[in-house]
Amino acid sequence: MHEASDSASAEVIAQRRFYRGVLELMNESRIPYVVGGGYALEHYTGSARDSKDLDLVVEPVCARAVLKLFGNKGYRTELSFPHWLGKIFG
């Protein structure tokens, strides 16, 4: 059972490292964004929930620039639904 908690801890550490890198790159890019989803909910209400993703909201005119930025940095990107959902994978 100890091994499972170690691997879960490693996953959480890797997830946080990925999210931190994403936010740092977004800040460096100066493309405007806001954090949404579970992390925003926790920040504003104190109500935490297990989240498997980081939701960033950008203006539609910036969406392709964000995906290009991350693609150029070696991330895999996907425009799942052009009208509302793009994804970045570590």
N, C-alpha and C. Protein backbone atom coordinates (compact mmCIF):
# COMPACT_ATOMS: atom_id res chain seq x y z
N MET A 1 0.82 -1.19 0.00
CA MET A 1 0.00 0.00 0.00
C MET A 1 0.87 1.26 0.00
N HIS A 2 2.02 1.18 0.60
CA HIS A 2 2.93 2.33 0.65
C HIS A 2 3.37 2.73 -0.76
N GLU A 3 3.58 1.75 -1.64
CA GLU A 3 4.01 2.04 -3.01
C GLU A 3 2.96 2.85 -3.76
N ALA A 4 1.70 2.53 -3.55
CA ALA A 4 0.63 3.26 -4.24
C ALA A 4 0.63 4.72 -3.82
N SER A 5 0.81 4.99 -2.53
CA SER A 5 0.81 6.37 -2.08
C SER A 5 2.04 7.10 -2.60
N ASP A 6 3.17 6.40 -2.73
CA ASP A 6 4.36 7.01 -3.31
C ASP A 6 4.14 7.39 -4.76
N SER A 7 3.50 6.48 -5.53
CA SER A 7 3.25 6.79 -6.95
C SER A 7 2.21 7.90 -7.08
N ALA A 8 1.22 7.92 -6.18
CA ALA A 8 0.23 8.99 -6.21
C ALA A 8 0.90 10.32 -5.89
N SER A 9 1.81 10.33 -4.93
CA SER A 9 2.53 11.55 -4.59
C SER A 9 3.37 12.02 -5.76
N ALA A 10 4.01 11.08 -6.45
CA ALA A 10 4.82 11.43 -7.61
C ALA A 10 3.94 12.01 -8.71
N GLU A 11 2.74 11.47 -8.89
CA GLU A 11 1.81 12.00 -9.89
C GLU A 11 1.40 13.43 -9.54
N VAL A 12 1.10 13.67 -8.28
CA VAL A 12 0.69 15.02 -7.85
C VAL A 12 1.83 16.00 -8.06
N ILE A 13 3.04 15.60 -7.72
CA ILE A 13 4.21 16.47 -7.91
C ILE A 13 4.41 16.77 -9.39
N ALA A 14 4.30 15.75 -10.24
CA ALA A 14 4.45 15.96 -11.68
C ALA A 14 3.36 16.85 -12.22
N GLN A 15 2.13 16.67 -11.75
CA GLN A 15 1.00 17.50 -12.19
C GLN A 15 1.23 18.96 -11.81
N ARG A 16 1.64 19.19 -10.58
CA ARG A 16 1.88 20.56 -10.13
C ARG A 16 3.03 21.21 -10.91
N ARG A 17 4.06 20.44 -11.20
CA ARG A 17 5.19 20.95 -11.98
C ARG A 17 4.72 21.36 -13.38
N PHE A 18 3.89 20.51 -13.98
CA PHE A 18 3.34 20.80 -15.31
C PHE A 18 2.51 22.08 -15.27
N TYR A 19 1.60 22.18 -14.30
CA TYR A 19 0.74 23.36 -14.19
C TYR A 19 1.56 24.62 -13.96
N ARG A 20 2.56 24.52 -13.11
CA ARG A 20 3.42 25.68 -12.85
C ARG A 20 4.11 26.12 -14.13
N GLY A 21 4.63 25.17 -14.90
CA GLY A 21 5.28 25.48 -16.17
C GLY A 21 4.34 26.14 -17.15
N VAL A 22 3.11 25.64 -17.21
CA VAL A 22 2.10 26.23 -18.09
C VAL A 22 1.82 27.68 -17.69
N LEU A 23 1.62 27.91 -16.41
CA LEU A 23 1.32 29.27 -15.95
C LEU A 23 2.50 30.20 -16.16
N GLU A 24 3.72 29.71 -15.93
CA GLU A 24 4.90 30.55 -16.15
C GLU A 24 5.02 30.94 -17.62
N LEU A 25 4.79 29.97 -18.52
CA LEU A 25 4.87 30.26 -19.95
C LEU A 25 3.77 31.24 -20.37
N MET A 26 2.58 31.06 -19.83
CA MET A 26 1.49 32.00 -20.14
C MET A 26 1.85 33.40 -19.65
N ASN A 27 2.39 33.51 -18.46
CA ASN A 27 2.77 34.82 -17.94
C ASN A 27 3.86 35.46 -18.79
N GLU A 28 4.84 34.67 -19.19
CA GLU A 28 5.92 35.19 -20.04
C GLU A 28 5.39 35.65 -21.40
N SER A 29 4.38 34.95 -21.90
CA SER A 29 3.84 35.28 -23.23
C SER A 29 3.04 36.58 -23.23
N ARG A 30 2.55 36.96 -22.08
CA ARG A 30 1.72 38.15 -21.92
C ARG A 30 0.37 38.03 -22.65
N ILE A 31 -0.01 36.81 -22.99
CA ILE A 31 -1.35 36.57 -23.54
C ILE A 31 -2.31 36.58 -22.35
N PRO A 32 -3.35 37.40 -22.40
CA PRO A 32 -4.26 37.47 -21.25
C PRO A 32 -5.04 36.16 -21.06
N TYR A 33 -5.19 35.78 -19.79
CA TYR A 33 -5.93 34.56 -19.45
C TYR A 33 -6.45 34.68 -18.03
N VAL A 34 -7.40 33.84 -17.70
CA VAL A 34 -7.85 33.69 -16.32
C VAL A 34 -7.89 32.20 -16.02
N VAL A 35 -7.71 31.88 -14.75
CA VAL A 35 -7.81 30.49 -14.29
C VAL A 35 -9.27 30.25 -13.94
N GLY A 36 -9.80 29.13 -14.43
CA GLY A 36 -11.19 28.77 -14.14
C GLY A 36 -11.25 27.39 -13.50
N GLY A 37 -12.40 26.80 -13.51
CA GLY A 37 -12.58 25.43 -13.04
C GLY A 37 -12.32 25.25 -11.56
N GLY A 38 -11.86 24.07 -11.22
CA GLY A 38 -11.67 23.67 -9.83
C GLY A 38 -10.70 24.55 -9.06
N TYR A 39 -9.64 25.00 -9.70
CA TYR A 39 -8.67 25.84 -9.01
C TYR A 39 -9.24 27.21 -8.68
N ALA A 40 -10.03 27.77 -9.58
CA ALA A 40 -10.69 29.05 -9.30
C ALA A 40 -11.73 28.87 -8.20
N LEU A 41 -12.48 27.78 -8.27
CA LEU A 41 -13.49 27.51 -7.25
C LEU A 41 -12.84 27.44 -5.86
N GLU A 42 -11.72 26.73 -5.78
CA GLU A 42 -11.03 26.61 -4.49
C GLU A 42 -10.51 27.97 -4.02
N HIS A 43 -9.94 28.74 -4.92
CA HIS A 43 -9.39 30.04 -4.56
C HIS A 43 -10.47 30.98 -4.02
N TYR A 44 -11.59 31.02 -4.70
CA TYR A 44 -12.62 32.00 -4.33
C TYR A 44 -13.58 31.52 -3.26
N THR A 45 -13.74 30.22 -3.10
CA THR A 45 -14.72 29.73 -2.11
C THR A 45 -14.10 28.91 -0.99
N GLY A 46 -12.86 28.46 -1.19
CA GLY A 46 -12.24 27.59 -0.20
C GLY A 46 -12.72 26.15 -0.32
N SER A 47 -13.59 25.89 -1.26
CA SER A 47 -14.14 24.55 -1.47
C SER A 47 -13.27 23.82 -2.49
N ALA A 48 -12.47 22.87 -2.01
CA ALA A 48 -11.55 22.14 -2.88
C ALA A 48 -12.24 20.89 -3.44
N ARG A 49 -11.85 20.57 -4.66
CA ARG A 49 -12.29 19.31 -5.25
C ARG A 49 -11.12 18.75 -6.04
N ASP A 50 -11.07 17.44 -6.16
CA ASP A 50 -10.00 16.80 -6.90
C ASP A 50 -10.11 17.20 -8.36
N SER A 51 -9.07 17.79 -8.90
CA SER A 51 -9.10 18.25 -10.28
C SER A 51 -8.01 17.56 -11.08
N LYS A 52 -8.36 17.08 -12.24
CA LYS A 52 -7.40 16.41 -13.11
C LYS A 52 -6.95 17.29 -14.25
N ASP A 53 -7.35 18.58 -14.20
CA ASP A 53 -6.92 19.49 -15.26
C ASP A 53 -6.84 20.91 -14.73
N LEU A 54 -6.22 21.75 -15.50
CA LEU A 54 -6.12 23.17 -15.19
C LEU A 54 -6.87 23.91 -16.29
N ASP A 55 -7.93 24.60 -15.91
CA ASP A 55 -8.75 25.31 -16.88
C ASP A 55 -8.28 26.75 -17.01
N LEU A 56 -7.83 27.10 -18.21
CA LEU A 56 -7.47 28.48 -18.50
C LEU A 56 -8.46 29.01 -19.54
N VAL A 57 -8.90 30.22 -19.34
CA VAL A 57 -9.84 30.85 -20.27
C VAL A 57 -9.09 31.97 -20.97
N VAL A 58 -9.10 31.93 -22.30
CA VAL A 58 -8.47 32.99 -23.10
C VAL A 58 -9.50 33.53 -24.08
N GLU A 59 -9.24 34.72 -24.56
CA GLU A 59 -10.12 35.29 -25.57
C GLU A 59 -10.03 34.45 -26.84
N PRO A 60 -11.13 34.28 -27.56
CA PRO A 60 -11.11 33.47 -28.78
C PRO A 60 -10.01 33.86 -29.77
N VAL A 61 -9.73 35.15 -29.88
CA VAL A 61 -8.71 35.59 -30.83
C VAL A 61 -7.30 35.17 -30.41
N CYS A 62 -7.13 34.74 -29.16
CA CYS A 62 -5.82 34.33 -28.64
C CYS A 62 -5.64 32.81 -28.63
N ALA A 63 -6.70 32.07 -28.83
CA ALA A 63 -6.64 30.62 -28.65
C ALA A 63 -5.58 29.95 -29.52
N ARG A 64 -5.57 30.25 -30.79
CA ARG A 64 -4.58 29.62 -31.68
C ARG A 64 -3.15 30.05 -31.33
N ALA A 65 -2.98 31.29 -30.88
CA ALA A 65 -1.65 31.75 -30.47
C ALA A 65 -1.15 30.97 -29.26
N VAL A 66 -2.05 30.66 -28.33
CA VAL A 66 -1.68 29.88 -27.15
C VAL A 66 -1.24 28.48 -27.59
N LEU A 67 -2.03 27.84 -28.44
CA LEU A 67 -1.68 26.50 -28.90
C LEU A 67 -0.36 26.50 -29.67
N LYS A 68 -0.15 27.52 -30.48
CA LYS A 68 1.11 27.62 -31.23
C LYS A 68 2.29 27.82 -30.27
N LEU A 69 2.12 28.67 -29.28
CA LEU A 69 3.15 28.92 -28.28
C LEU A 69 3.59 27.62 -27.62
N PHE A 70 2.62 26.84 -27.16
CA PHE A 70 2.96 25.60 -26.47
C PHE A 70 3.47 24.54 -27.44
N GLY A 71 2.92 24.50 -28.64
CA GLY A 71 3.42 23.56 -29.64
C GLY A 71 4.88 23.82 -29.96
N ASN A 72 5.25 25.10 -30.06
CA ASN A 72 6.64 25.46 -30.33
C ASN A 72 7.57 25.11 -29.18
N LYS A 73 7.03 24.93 -27.99
CA LYS A 73 7.83 24.56 -26.81
C LYS A 73 7.86 23.05 -26.59
N GLY A 74 7.28 22.30 -27.54
CA GLY A 74 7.34 20.85 -27.45
C GLY A 74 6.15 20.16 -26.82
N TYR A 75 5.15 20.93 -26.44
CA TYR A 75 3.94 20.34 -25.89
C TYR A 75 3.07 19.84 -27.04
N ARG A 76 2.31 18.78 -26.77
CA ARG A 76 1.31 18.33 -27.74
C ARG A 76 0.06 19.16 -27.49
N THR A 77 -0.51 19.70 -28.55
CA THR A 77 -1.71 20.53 -28.42
C THR A 77 -2.82 19.96 -29.31
N GLU A 78 -4.02 20.35 -28.97
CA GLU A 78 -5.19 19.86 -29.71
C GLU A 78 -6.28 20.91 -29.64
N LEU A 79 -6.88 21.21 -30.75
CA LEU A 79 -8.05 22.08 -30.78
C LEU A 79 -9.26 21.17 -30.90
N SER A 80 -9.73 20.71 -29.76
CA SER A 80 -10.80 19.71 -29.70
C SER A 80 -12.11 20.22 -30.28
N PHE A 81 -12.49 21.40 -29.89
CA PHE A 81 -13.70 22.05 -30.37
C PHE A 81 -13.35 23.50 -30.63
N PRO A 82 -13.16 23.90 -31.89
CA PRO A 82 -12.65 25.24 -32.22
C PRO A 82 -13.42 26.38 -31.57
N HIS A 83 -14.67 26.19 -31.26
CA HIS A 83 -15.47 27.27 -30.69
C HIS A 83 -15.32 27.39 -29.17
N TRP A 84 -14.66 26.38 -28.50
CA TRP A 84 -14.56 26.55 -27.06
C TRP A 84 -13.50 25.73 -26.34
N LEU A 85 -12.84 24.75 -26.96
CA LEU A 85 -11.94 23.89 -26.19
C LEU A 85 -10.67 23.54 -26.93
N GLY A 86 -9.56 23.98 -26.37
CA GLY A 86 -8.23 23.56 -26.82
C GLY A 86 -7.55 22.86 -25.66
N LYS A 87 -6.62 21.98 -25.95
CA LYS A 87 -5.93 21.23 -24.91
C LYS A 87 -4.42 21.27 -25.12
N ILE A 88 -3.71 21.25 -24.00
CA ILE A 88 -2.26 21.18 -24.00
C ILE A 88 -1.86 20.01 -23.13
N PHE A 89 -1.00 19.16 -23.65
CA PHE A 89 -0.57 17.96 -22.93
C PHE A 89 0.93 18.05 -22.69
N GLY A 90 1.36 17.61 -21.52
CA GLY A 90 2.78 17.63 -21.16
C GLY A 90 3.56 16.52 -21.76
